[in-house]
Amino acid sequence: MKISVCFCLLGLLACLSCKSDARSEKSEHAALHVVEKADVEGKSFERMPMSDVTTHFQFRGKPCEAQVFRTPDETLPRVKDEEGNEYVDNRITLRITSQGKTLVDRTFTKDNFASVVEQRFLQHSIFEGLVYDTVTPQGMVFAASVSYPQSDLYVPIRLTLTADGHVAMETEDLLDNYAENEE
């Protein structure tokens, strides 16, 4: 009799564990379904990480600080590559201060470079970056880059900013083009 009771309890335990497995399997499937549904509804876009870089330099004998803050901007038109991947474009803010006074506080997007970059290139590119370069008698020089996403194809742009906030821009020659022209 004790053996029969043990077998009955063992059988009942086996039934309960099978039933419990069915529930957990169903729960896992439901959770998986929600994840699949979210992936279909909310398409993810490639974006560059935010960055905040501060550089110290001298301009006309005075100490200056340049802060460059890059952030992906969902309000800008997205860029699509040849494979259909979509990228979020960037907005970059440049703030230059000297002795507590703001010399420049300006936000750039790639459209600010339409006068020096071909429209056809701008349509398929993102504003990748802006960095301090040097100081010249004309002003503070920064290097900007408008590029095809996740590629080596870019247009280097030289920005010269004066103390009164005027910005002059021109494209720079690529090193590859320079080497080809030398041959």
Protein backbone atom coordinates (compact mmCIF):
# COMPACT_ATOMS: atom_id res chain seq x y z
CA MET A 1 0.00 0.00 0.00
CA LYS A 2 2.82 2.40 0.84
CA ILE A 3 4.36 1.65 -2.52
CA SER A 4 1.05 2.39 -4.28
CA VAL A 5 0.72 5.71 -2.48
CA CYS A 6 4.31 6.61 -3.40
CA PHE A 7 3.66 5.77 -7.06
CA CYS A 8 0.44 7.82 -7.02
CA LEU A 9 2.21 10.80 -5.48
CA LEU A 10 5.07 10.42 -7.93
CA GLY A 11 2.59 10.27 -10.83
CA LEU A 12 0.73 13.32 -9.54
CA LEU A 13 3.99 15.18 -9.17
CA ALA A 14 4.97 14.25 -12.74
CA CYS A 15 1.60 15.48 -14.03
CA LEU A 16 1.92 18.76 -12.17
CA SER A 17 5.44 19.34 -13.42
CA CYS A 18 4.36 18.66 -17.02
CA LYS A 19 1.43 21.03 -16.64
CA SER A 20 3.73 23.65 -15.12
CA ASP A 21 6.10 23.25 -18.09
CA ALA A 22 3.23 23.91 -20.46
CA ARG A 23 2.40 27.11 -18.62
CA SER A 24 5.98 28.34 -18.60
CA GLU A 25 6.33 27.44 -22.29
CA LYS A 26 3.17 29.41 -23.04
CA SER A 27 4.44 32.35 -20.98
CA GLU A 28 7.79 32.31 -22.77
CA HIS A 29 6.00 32.27 -26.11
CA ALA A 30 3.80 35.20 -25.09
CA ALA A 31 6.83 37.18 -23.95
CA LEU A 32 8.58 36.35 -27.20
CA HIS A 33 5.53 37.45 -29.15
CA VAL A 34 5.55 40.84 -27.44
CA VAL A 35 9.23 41.31 -28.29
CA GLU A 36 8.60 40.38 -31.92
CA LYS A 37 5.64 42.74 -32.08
CA ALA A 38 7.68 45.61 -30.62
CA ASP A 39 10.46 45.01 -33.14
CA VAL A 40 8.04 45.20 -36.05
CA GLU A 41 6.26 48.29 -34.77
CA GLY A 42 9.29 50.26 -33.54
CA LYS A 43 12.00 50.13 -36.19
CA SER A 44 15.38 51.02 -34.73
CA PHE A 45 17.63 53.55 -36.41
CA GLU A 46 21.40 53.79 -36.28
CA ARG A 47 22.70 56.77 -34.33
CA MET A 48 26.06 58.06 -33.23
CA PRO A 49 26.67 58.39 -29.50
CA MET A 50 26.35 61.76 -27.83
CA SER A 51 29.65 63.48 -27.14
CA ASP A 52 30.78 66.51 -25.18
CA VAL A 53 34.39 67.61 -25.77
CA THR A 54 36.04 70.65 -24.19
CA THR A 55 39.29 72.11 -25.55
CA HIS A 56 41.40 74.89 -24.05
CA PHE A 57 43.50 77.21 -26.24
CA GLN A 58 44.83 80.78 -26.50
CA PHE A 59 43.25 83.30 -28.87
CA ARG A 60 44.79 86.78 -29.17
CA GLY A 61 46.65 86.23 -25.93
CA LYS A 62 43.55 85.28 -23.93
CA PRO A 63 42.59 81.84 -22.62
CA CYS A 64 39.60 80.31 -24.41
CA GLU A 65 37.48 77.24 -23.94
CA ALA A 66 35.61 75.53 -26.79
CA GLN A 67 32.85 73.09 -25.94
CA VAL A 68 31.55 70.88 -28.75
CA PHE A 69 28.37 68.95 -27.95
CA ARG A 70 27.09 66.41 -30.51
CA THR A 71 23.69 64.79 -30.18
CA PRO A 72 21.58 62.67 -32.53
CA ASP A 73 18.49 64.70 -33.42
CA GLU A 74 15.25 62.82 -34.13
CA THR A 75 13.69 65.98 -35.60
CA LEU A 76 16.14 66.06 -38.53
CA PRO A 77 15.38 64.04 -41.67
CA ARG A 78 16.79 60.51 -41.50
CA VAL A 79 19.42 59.34 -43.95
CA LYS A 80 19.03 56.01 -45.75
CA ASP A 81 21.98 54.09 -47.17
CA GLU A 82 22.03 51.79 -50.22
CA GLU A 83 21.05 48.76 -48.10
CA GLY A 84 18.01 50.52 -46.64
CA ASN A 85 19.50 51.16 -43.18
CA GLU A 86 18.30 54.42 -41.68
CA TYR A 87 20.48 56.79 -39.67
CA VAL A 88 19.62 59.65 -37.33
CA ASP A 89 21.49 62.84 -38.26
CA ASN A 90 23.36 64.94 -35.69
CA ARG A 91 23.10 68.45 -34.36
CA ILE A 92 26.31 69.96 -32.97
CA THR A 93 26.52 72.96 -30.67
CA LEU A 94 29.75 74.96 -30.47
CA ARG A 95 30.21 77.26 -27.49
CA ILE A 96 33.41 79.30 -27.17
CA THR A 97 34.05 81.33 -24.03
CA SER A 98 36.90 83.54 -22.90
CA GLN A 99 37.25 85.02 -19.42
CA GLY A 100 33.58 84.45 -18.63
CA LYS A 101 32.36 86.03 -21.88
CA THR A 102 30.65 83.97 -24.59
CA LEU A 103 32.28 84.57 -27.96
CA VAL A 104 30.35 81.99 -29.98
CA ASP A 105 27.25 79.97 -29.14
CA ARG A 106 26.01 78.36 -32.32
CA THR A 107 24.29 75.14 -33.34
CA PHE A 108 25.10 73.47 -36.66
CA THR A 109 23.43 70.83 -38.80
CA LYS A 110 24.66 69.52 -42.13
CA ASP A 111 22.38 72.00 -43.92
CA ASN A 112 24.63 74.81 -42.67
CA PHE A 113 27.23 73.51 -45.13
CA ALA A 114 25.00 73.56 -48.23
CA SER A 115 27.07 76.41 -49.68
CA VAL A 116 30.22 74.25 -49.78
CA VAL A 117 28.90 70.66 -50.07
CA GLU A 118 26.93 69.38 -53.06
CA GLN A 119 23.22 68.85 -52.39
CA ARG A 120 23.38 65.31 -53.79
CA PHE A 121 26.03 64.42 -51.19
CA LEU A 122 24.14 66.14 -48.36
CA GLN A 123 21.01 64.07 -49.04
CA HIS A 124 22.83 60.83 -48.24
CA SER A 125 25.18 62.02 -45.50
CA ILE A 126 25.17 62.91 -41.81
CA PHE A 127 26.97 65.64 -39.88
CA GLU A 128 29.59 63.50 -38.19
CA GLY A 129 31.75 65.82 -36.16
CA LEU A 130 33.33 69.15 -35.31
CA VAL A 131 36.73 69.54 -33.60
CA TYR A 132 39.08 72.38 -32.69
CA ASP A 133 42.06 72.64 -35.05
CA THR A 134 44.18 75.77 -34.54
CA VAL A 135 44.27 79.55 -34.26
CA THR A 136 45.27 81.76 -37.20
CA PRO A 137 45.38 85.55 -37.60
CA GLN A 138 41.93 85.23 -39.23
CA GLY A 139 40.36 83.45 -36.24
CA MET A 140 39.73 80.15 -34.49
CA VAL A 141 39.77 77.20 -36.87
CA PHE A 142 37.60 74.11 -36.49
CA ALA A 143 37.37 71.03 -38.70
CA ALA A 144 33.91 69.70 -39.55
CA SER A 145 33.03 66.45 -41.26
CA VAL A 146 29.95 65.58 -43.31
CA SER A 147 30.05 61.90 -44.25
CA TYR A 148 28.17 58.92 -45.59
CA PRO A 149 27.14 56.91 -42.52
CA GLN A 150 29.57 54.17 -41.47
CA SER A 151 31.93 54.78 -44.37
CA ASP A 152 35.21 56.51 -45.12
CA LEU A 153 33.58 58.82 -47.66
CA TYR A 154 33.35 62.33 -46.23
CA VAL A 155 33.79 66.01 -47.03
CA PRO A 156 36.19 67.80 -44.67
CA ILE A 157 35.19 71.40 -44.00
CA ARG A 158 37.31 74.14 -42.46
CA LEU A 159 35.41 76.63 -40.30
CA THR A 160 37.10 79.87 -39.30
CA LEU A 161 35.33 81.77 -36.53
CA THR A 162 36.13 85.34 -35.59
CA ALA A 163 35.76 86.81 -32.10
CA ASP A 164 32.59 88.62 -33.19
CA GLY A 165 30.97 85.31 -34.26
CA HIS A 166 31.42 85.52 -38.04
CA VAL A 167 31.88 82.09 -39.63
CA ALA A 168 33.76 81.46 -42.88
CA MET A 169 33.77 77.96 -44.34
CA GLU A 170 35.54 76.12 -47.11
CA THR A 171 36.07 72.49 -48.04
CA GLU A 172 39.47 70.97 -47.45
CA ASP A 173 41.26 68.74 -49.91
CA LEU A 174 41.24 65.08 -49.03
CA LEU A 175 44.64 63.52 -48.51
CA ASP A 176 43.84 60.83 -51.12
CA ASN A 177 43.06 63.49 -53.71
CA TYR A 178 46.31 65.24 -52.86
CA ALA A 179 48.32 62.05 -53.41
CA GLU A 180 46.57 61.38 -56.75
CA ASN A 181 47.26 64.91 -57.98
CA GLU A 182 50.95 64.61 -57.11
CA GLU A 183 51.45 61.60 -59.43
